[in-house]
Amino acid sequence: MLFLLLLALGIAIFGLTAYLMSWPLVATQMRDHHAQDRPLLGKTPFSPSAFGWFLRLAWRGSPDQALRFLAMPGSVAAWSIAIGGACALVLLLLRISGVLR
């Protein structure tokens, strides 16, 4: 049980680290080459619009190959945060409810 919880938290932390490294690269690429789309990301990396932009894979509609190359790790990271966090929460709730010992 503890191993699974730590694994889920590790996946979420991996995602957070990768997300924090890729977000500034994507924001800079959009600022320099796609100024009209830059507001879609919001002002901070933790804005819900930026996180949703990566989860929705909205960058796939762009013809810019450099943006697609930079945004792919950010999307993998965002999904890692979501899946790792959800798994950790489910395991914690199962532990609290007494289903898992």
Protein backbone atom coordinates (compact mmCIF):
# COMPACT_ATOMS: atom_id res chain seq x y z
CA MET A 1 0.00 0.00 0.00
CA LEU A 2 2.70 2.44 1.00
CA PHE A 3 4.70 1.54 -2.11
CA LEU A 4 1.74 2.34 -4.39
CA LEU A 5 1.12 5.63 -2.62
CA LEU A 6 4.77 6.64 -2.93
CA LEU A 7 4.80 5.56 -6.57
CA ALA A 8 1.76 7.72 -7.33
CA LEU A 9 3.28 10.69 -5.53
CA GLY A 10 6.56 10.14 -7.38
CA ILE A 11 4.75 10.22 -10.71
CA ALA A 12 3.01 13.45 -9.71
CA ILE A 13 6.31 15.01 -8.60
CA PHE A 14 7.97 13.94 -11.86
CA GLY A 15 5.13 15.62 -13.74
CA LEU A 16 5.41 18.79 -11.70
CA THR A 17 9.15 19.02 -12.30
CA ALA A 18 8.85 18.45 -16.04
CA TYR A 19 5.90 20.86 -16.27
CA LEU A 20 7.87 23.60 -14.54
CA MET A 21 10.75 23.12 -16.97
CA SER A 22 8.68 23.01 -20.16
CA TRP A 23 6.16 25.78 -19.44
CA PRO A 24 8.63 28.69 -19.78
CA LEU A 25 9.96 27.26 -23.06
CA VAL A 26 6.48 27.00 -24.53
CA ALA A 27 5.51 30.45 -23.24
CA THR A 28 8.60 31.99 -24.83
CA GLN A 29 7.99 30.22 -28.15
CA MET A 30 4.40 31.45 -28.17
CA ARG A 31 5.43 34.97 -27.20
CA ASP A 32 7.97 35.14 -30.01
CA HIS A 33 6.06 33.37 -32.79
CA HIS A 34 2.38 33.20 -31.82
CA ALA A 35 1.62 36.40 -29.94
CA GLN A 36 -2.10 36.13 -30.70
CA ASP A 37 -2.30 32.75 -28.94
CA ARG A 38 -0.10 33.59 -25.94
CA PRO A 39 -3.03 34.71 -23.71
CA LEU A 40 -4.41 31.15 -23.91
CA LEU A 41 -1.68 30.06 -21.49
CA GLY A 42 -2.44 32.64 -18.82
CA LYS A 43 0.16 34.62 -16.91
CA THR A 44 1.59 31.97 -14.59
CA PRO A 45 2.45 28.29 -15.01
CA PHE A 46 -0.12 27.40 -12.37
CA SER A 47 -3.00 29.16 -14.05
CA PRO A 48 -5.84 26.75 -14.79
CA SER A 49 -5.91 27.86 -18.42
CA ALA A 50 -2.25 26.86 -18.98
CA PHE A 51 -2.73 23.49 -17.30
CA GLY A 52 -5.89 22.86 -19.32
CA TRP A 53 -4.14 23.93 -22.52
CA PHE A 54 -1.56 21.19 -21.98
CA LEU A 55 -4.16 18.59 -20.92
CA ARG A 56 -6.31 19.28 -23.99
CA LEU A 57 -3.26 18.98 -26.27
CA ALA A 58 -4.32 22.31 -27.80
CA TRP A 59 -0.84 22.78 -29.25
CA ARG A 60 -1.48 20.01 -31.78
CA GLY A 61 -3.46 22.42 -33.95
CA SER A 62 -0.44 24.64 -34.50
CA PRO A 63 1.54 24.28 -37.73
CA ASP A 64 4.71 25.31 -35.84
CA GLN A 65 6.85 22.18 -35.43
CA ALA A 66 9.04 23.85 -32.80
CA LEU A 67 6.00 24.58 -30.63
CA ARG A 68 4.79 21.02 -31.01
CA PHE A 69 8.24 19.71 -30.07
CA LEU A 70 8.39 21.90 -26.96
CA ALA A 71 4.80 21.33 -25.84
CA MET A 72 4.79 17.52 -25.96
CA PRO A 73 6.83 17.10 -22.72
CA GLY A 74 4.58 19.66 -21.04
CA SER A 75 1.51 17.64 -21.94
CA VAL A 76 3.08 14.41 -20.72
CA ALA A 77 3.97 16.23 -17.50
CA ALA A 78 0.47 17.67 -17.06
CA TRP A 79 -1.06 14.22 -17.51
CA SER A 80 1.48 12.78 -15.05
CA ILE A 81 0.43 15.36 -12.47
CA ALA A 82 -3.24 14.59 -13.01
CA ILE A 83 -2.92 10.80 -13.01
CA GLY A 84 -0.37 10.62 -10.19
CA GLY A 85 -2.38 12.99 -8.02
CA ALA A 86 -5.64 11.16 -8.70
CA CYS A 87 -4.10 7.77 -7.89
CA ALA A 88 -2.55 9.08 -4.69
CA LEU A 89 -5.88 10.61 -3.65
CA VAL A 90 -7.78 7.38 -4.36
CA LEU A 91 -5.25 5.32 -2.41
CA LEU A 92 -5.36 7.75 0.48
CA LEU A 93 -9.17 7.71 0.57
CA LEU A 94 -9.19 3.90 0.45
CA ARG A 95 -6.74 3.83 3.34
CA ILE A 96 -8.76 6.30 5.41
CA SER A 97 -12.02 4.45 4.75
CA GLY A 98 -10.49 1.18 5.91
CA VAL A 99 -10.78 -0.69 2.62
CA LEU A 100 -6.99 -1.02 2.42
CA ARG A 101 -4.85 -1.67 5.45
